[in-house]
Amino acid sequence: MRPMAHLNVVVQPGARQSRLVGLHGGLPKIQLKAKPIDGEANAALIEFIAELCGISKSCVAIASGHTSRFKRLTLPDTAVTHVNTLLTR
């Protein structure tokens, strides 16, 4: 089993496209095309992070913040490192 870590992010649903845009208040900011209706944005976030990090969607979970723009994700620690590397480029 992979070591897991937490990643706190800020999510902006209803954007023109889904993308990692940088930092907001020191946290990674992710714009999502999906609307925050019936969990669509949460599902899109899991799919986006999994694709971004090259991992399975089942490896990504929202630990807290299901109805908030501020979310705490649980994912493999290598994926957290990958996101942080993308932000420093």
N, C-alpha and C. Protein backbone atom coordinates (compact mmCIF):
# COMPACT_ATOMS: atom_id res chain seq x y z
N MET A 1 0.84 -1.19 0.00
CA MET A 1 0.00 0.00 0.00
C MET A 1 0.89 1.25 0.00
N ARG A 2 0.50 2.22 -0.80
CA ARG A 2 1.27 3.46 -0.91
C ARG A 2 1.08 4.33 0.33
N PRO A 3 2.15 5.06 0.73
CA PRO A 3 1.98 6.04 1.82
C PRO A 3 1.06 7.16 1.33
N MET A 4 0.13 7.55 2.17
CA MET A 4 -0.84 8.58 1.80
C MET A 4 -0.50 9.90 2.49
N ALA A 5 -0.92 10.99 1.87
CA ALA A 5 -0.69 12.33 2.41
C ALA A 5 -1.92 13.18 2.13
N HIS A 6 -1.96 14.33 2.75
CA HIS A 6 -3.06 15.26 2.54
C HIS A 6 -2.59 16.43 1.68
N LEU A 7 -3.50 16.93 0.87
CA LEU A 7 -3.25 18.10 0.05
C LEU A 7 -4.45 19.03 0.20
N ASN A 8 -4.21 20.23 0.70
CA ASN A 8 -5.27 21.24 0.81
C ASN A 8 -5.28 22.05 -0.47
N VAL A 9 -6.46 22.25 -1.04
CA VAL A 9 -6.60 22.99 -2.28
C VAL A 9 -7.78 23.96 -2.19
N VAL A 10 -7.75 24.95 -3.09
CA VAL A 10 -8.87 25.87 -3.28
C VAL A 10 -9.45 25.55 -4.65
N VAL A 11 -10.76 25.39 -4.71
CA VAL A 11 -11.42 25.02 -5.96
C VAL A 11 -12.34 26.14 -6.42
N GLN A 12 -12.29 26.43 -7.72
CA GLN A 12 -13.20 27.40 -8.33
C GLN A 12 -14.03 26.68 -9.38
N PRO A 13 -15.25 26.28 -9.03
CA PRO A 13 -16.09 25.59 -10.01
C PRO A 13 -16.69 26.57 -11.01
N GLY A 14 -17.15 26.04 -12.13
CA GLY A 14 -17.82 26.84 -13.14
C GLY A 14 -16.88 27.65 -14.01
N ALA A 15 -15.62 27.24 -14.12
CA ALA A 15 -14.64 27.95 -14.95
C ALA A 15 -14.79 27.50 -16.41
N ARG A 16 -14.10 28.18 -17.29
CA ARG A 16 -14.16 27.82 -18.72
C ARG A 16 -13.50 26.47 -19.00
N GLN A 17 -12.45 26.17 -18.24
CA GLN A 17 -11.76 24.89 -18.41
C GLN A 17 -11.20 24.44 -17.07
N SER A 18 -10.93 23.17 -16.95
CA SER A 18 -10.34 22.63 -15.73
C SER A 18 -8.83 22.73 -15.84
N ARG A 19 -8.22 23.37 -14.82
CA ARG A 19 -6.77 23.53 -14.84
C ARG A 19 -6.24 23.94 -13.47
N LEU A 20 -4.96 23.69 -13.27
CA LEU A 20 -4.24 24.12 -12.09
C LEU A 20 -3.70 25.51 -12.41
N VAL A 21 -4.11 26.53 -11.66
CA VAL A 21 -3.76 27.89 -12.04
C VAL A 21 -2.68 28.54 -11.20
N GLY A 22 -2.28 27.93 -10.12
CA GLY A 22 -1.25 28.52 -9.27
C GLY A 22 -1.66 28.44 -7.81
N LEU A 23 -1.25 29.46 -7.05
CA LEU A 23 -1.53 29.48 -5.62
C LEU A 23 -2.55 30.56 -5.28
N HIS A 24 -3.35 30.28 -4.27
CA HIS A 24 -4.31 31.25 -3.73
C HIS A 24 -4.21 31.12 -2.21
N GLY A 25 -3.69 32.15 -1.57
CA GLY A 25 -3.51 32.08 -0.13
C GLY A 25 -2.56 30.98 0.29
N GLY A 26 -1.59 30.67 -0.55
CA GLY A 26 -0.61 29.63 -0.24
C GLY A 26 -1.05 28.22 -0.58
N LEU A 27 -2.26 28.06 -1.08
CA LEU A 27 -2.79 26.74 -1.44
C LEU A 27 -2.91 26.62 -2.95
N PRO A 28 -2.72 25.40 -3.49
CA PRO A 28 -2.93 25.20 -4.92
C PRO A 28 -4.38 25.56 -5.28
N LYS A 29 -4.54 26.33 -6.37
CA LYS A 29 -5.88 26.70 -6.84
C LYS A 29 -6.18 25.93 -8.11
N ILE A 30 -7.35 25.30 -8.12
CA ILE A 30 -7.78 24.51 -9.26
C ILE A 30 -9.10 25.05 -9.77
N GLN A 31 -9.13 25.41 -11.04
CA GLN A 31 -10.37 25.82 -11.68
C GLN A 31 -10.99 24.58 -12.31
N LEU A 32 -12.29 24.41 -12.10
CA LEU A 32 -13.01 23.26 -12.65
C LEU A 32 -14.13 23.73 -13.56
N LYS A 33 -14.29 23.09 -14.68
CA LYS A 33 -15.37 23.41 -15.61
C LYS A 33 -16.72 23.02 -15.03
N ALA A 34 -16.75 21.98 -14.22
CA ALA A 34 -17.99 21.46 -13.65
C ALA A 34 -18.62 22.46 -12.68
N LYS A 35 -19.92 22.44 -12.62
CA LYS A 35 -20.68 23.29 -11.69
C LYS A 35 -20.80 22.57 -10.34
N PRO A 36 -20.96 23.33 -9.27
CA PRO A 36 -21.09 22.71 -7.94
C PRO A 36 -22.52 22.24 -7.66
N ILE A 37 -23.04 21.41 -8.55
CA ILE A 37 -24.40 20.91 -8.44
C ILE A 37 -24.35 19.38 -8.34
N ASP A 38 -25.03 18.82 -7.35
CA ASP A 38 -25.13 17.37 -7.18
C ASP A 38 -23.76 16.67 -7.15
N GLY A 39 -22.75 17.32 -6.59
CA GLY A 39 -21.43 16.72 -6.46
C GLY A 39 -20.61 16.66 -7.73
N GLU A 40 -21.08 17.35 -8.79
CA GLU A 40 -20.36 17.31 -10.07
C GLU A 40 -18.95 17.86 -9.94
N ALA A 41 -18.79 18.97 -9.23
CA ALA A 41 -17.47 19.58 -9.08
C ALA A 41 -16.54 18.67 -8.27
N ASN A 42 -17.05 18.01 -7.25
CA ASN A 42 -16.23 17.10 -6.46
C ASN A 42 -15.75 15.92 -7.31
N ALA A 43 -16.63 15.37 -8.11
CA ALA A 43 -16.26 14.26 -8.99
C ALA A 43 -15.24 14.73 -10.03
N ALA A 44 -15.44 15.94 -10.55
CA ALA A 44 -14.50 16.49 -11.53
C ALA A 44 -13.14 16.75 -10.90
N LEU A 45 -13.13 17.18 -9.64
CA LEU A 45 -11.87 17.42 -8.94
C LEU A 45 -11.09 16.12 -8.79
N ILE A 46 -11.75 15.06 -8.37
CA ILE A 46 -11.09 13.76 -8.21
C ILE A 46 -10.53 13.30 -9.55
N GLU A 47 -11.32 13.42 -10.60
CA GLU A 47 -10.87 13.00 -11.93
C GLU A 47 -9.69 13.85 -12.40
N PHE A 48 -9.76 15.17 -12.17
CA PHE A 48 -8.70 16.08 -12.60
C PHE A 48 -7.38 15.76 -11.88
N ILE A 49 -7.44 15.61 -10.56
CA ILE A 49 -6.23 15.32 -9.79
C ILE A 49 -5.63 13.98 -10.20
N ALA A 50 -6.48 12.97 -10.39
CA ALA A 50 -5.99 11.64 -10.79
C ALA A 50 -5.29 11.72 -12.14
N GLU A 51 -5.89 12.43 -13.09
CA GLU A 51 -5.29 12.56 -14.41
C GLU A 51 -3.99 13.38 -14.35
N LEU A 52 -4.01 14.46 -13.59
CA LEU A 52 -2.84 15.33 -13.45
C LEU A 52 -1.65 14.56 -12.89
N CYS A 53 -1.91 13.67 -11.94
CA CYS A 53 -0.84 12.94 -11.25
C CYS A 53 -0.57 11.56 -11.84
N GLY A 54 -1.39 11.14 -12.79
CA GLY A 54 -1.19 9.83 -13.40
C GLY A 54 -1.49 8.68 -12.47
N ILE A 55 -2.54 8.86 -11.64
CA ILE A 55 -2.93 7.81 -10.70
C ILE A 55 -4.40 7.47 -10.93
N SER A 56 -4.84 6.40 -10.32
CA SER A 56 -6.24 5.98 -10.42
C SER A 56 -7.14 6.92 -9.61
N LYS A 57 -8.37 7.11 -10.08
CA LYS A 57 -9.33 7.93 -9.33
C LYS A 57 -9.60 7.35 -7.95
N SER A 58 -9.47 6.04 -7.81
CA SER A 58 -9.72 5.42 -6.51
C SER A 58 -8.64 5.76 -5.48
N CYS A 59 -7.53 6.32 -5.93
CA CYS A 59 -6.45 6.73 -5.02
C CYS A 59 -6.67 8.13 -4.46
N VAL A 60 -7.68 8.84 -4.96
CA VAL A 60 -7.94 10.22 -4.54
C VAL A 60 -9.27 10.25 -3.79
N ALA A 61 -9.26 10.91 -2.63
CA ALA A 61 -10.48 11.05 -1.84
C ALA A 61 -10.54 12.46 -1.26
N ILE A 62 -11.76 12.98 -1.13
CA ILE A 62 -11.96 14.26 -0.47
C ILE A 62 -12.19 13.95 1.01
N ALA A 63 -11.22 14.35 1.84
CA ALA A 63 -11.30 14.06 3.28
C ALA A 63 -12.22 15.05 3.98
N SER A 64 -12.22 16.30 3.54
CA SER A 64 -13.11 17.30 4.13
C SER A 64 -13.32 18.44 3.13
N GLY A 65 -14.39 19.18 3.35
CA GLY A 65 -14.71 20.31 2.49
C GLY A 65 -15.60 19.97 1.32
N HIS A 66 -16.44 18.98 1.48
CA HIS A 66 -17.31 18.54 0.37
C HIS A 66 -18.19 19.66 -0.17
N THR A 67 -18.59 20.60 0.67
CA THR A 67 -19.46 21.69 0.21
C THR A 67 -18.76 23.04 0.26
N SER A 68 -17.46 23.03 0.36
CA SER A 68 -16.67 24.25 0.46
C SER A 68 -15.72 24.37 -0.72
N ARG A 69 -15.23 25.57 -0.97
CA ARG A 69 -14.19 25.76 -1.99
C ARG A 69 -12.84 25.29 -1.48
N PHE A 70 -12.69 25.24 -0.16
CA PHE A 70 -11.45 24.78 0.46
C PHE A 70 -11.61 23.30 0.79
N LYS A 71 -10.78 22.48 0.17
CA LYS A 71 -10.92 21.03 0.31
C LYS A 71 -9.60 20.42 0.78
N ARG A 72 -9.72 19.34 1.51
CA ARG A 72 -8.56 18.57 1.95
C ARG A 72 -8.67 17.21 1.27
N LEU A 73 -7.68 16.91 0.43
CA LEU A 73 -7.66 15.66 -0.32
C LEU A 73 -6.70 14.68 0.32
N THR A 74 -7.01 13.41 0.20
CA THR A 74 -6.10 12.35 0.60
C THR A 74 -5.68 11.63 -0.68
N LEU A 75 -4.36 11.54 -0.89
CA LEU A 75 -3.83 10.88 -2.06
C LEU A 75 -2.41 10.41 -1.77
N PRO A 76 -1.84 9.58 -2.65
CA PRO A 76 -0.48 9.09 -2.40
C PRO A 76 0.50 10.26 -2.26
N ASP A 77 1.48 10.11 -1.36
CA ASP A 77 2.41 11.21 -1.12
C ASP A 77 3.20 11.58 -2.37
N THR A 78 3.43 10.64 -3.28
CA THR A 78 4.13 10.97 -4.52
C THR A 78 3.29 11.91 -5.39
N ALA A 79 1.97 11.80 -5.32
CA ALA A 79 1.09 12.68 -6.08
C ALA A 79 1.13 14.10 -5.51
N VAL A 80 1.19 14.22 -4.19
CA VAL A 80 1.30 15.53 -3.55
C VAL A 80 2.59 16.20 -3.99
N THR A 81 3.68 15.43 -4.01
CA THR A 81 4.97 15.95 -4.46
C THR A 81 4.88 16.41 -5.90
N HIS A 82 4.19 15.65 -6.74
CA HIS A 82 4.03 16.00 -8.15
C HIS A 82 3.29 17.33 -8.31
N VAL A 83 2.20 17.52 -7.59
CA VAL A 83 1.44 18.77 -7.66
C VAL A 83 2.32 19.94 -7.21
N ASN A 84 3.04 19.77 -6.12
CA ASN A 84 3.92 20.84 -5.63
C ASN A 84 5.01 21.17 -6.64
N THR A 85 5.52 20.16 -7.33
CA THR A 85 6.53 20.39 -8.37
C THR A 85 5.95 21.19 -9.53
N LEU A 86 4.73 20.88 -9.92
CA LEU A 86 4.08 21.63 -11.00
C LEU A 86 3.88 23.09 -10.64
N LEU A 87 3.63 23.35 -9.37
CA LEU A 87 3.39 24.72 -8.92
C LEU A 87 4.67 25.55 -8.87
N THR A 88 5.81 24.91 -8.76
CA THR A 88 7.07 25.66 -8.66
C THR A 88 7.71 25.90 -10.02
N ARG A 89 7.13 25.39 -11.07
CA ARG A 89 7.68 25.60 -12.42
C ARG A 89 7.33 26.95 -12.94
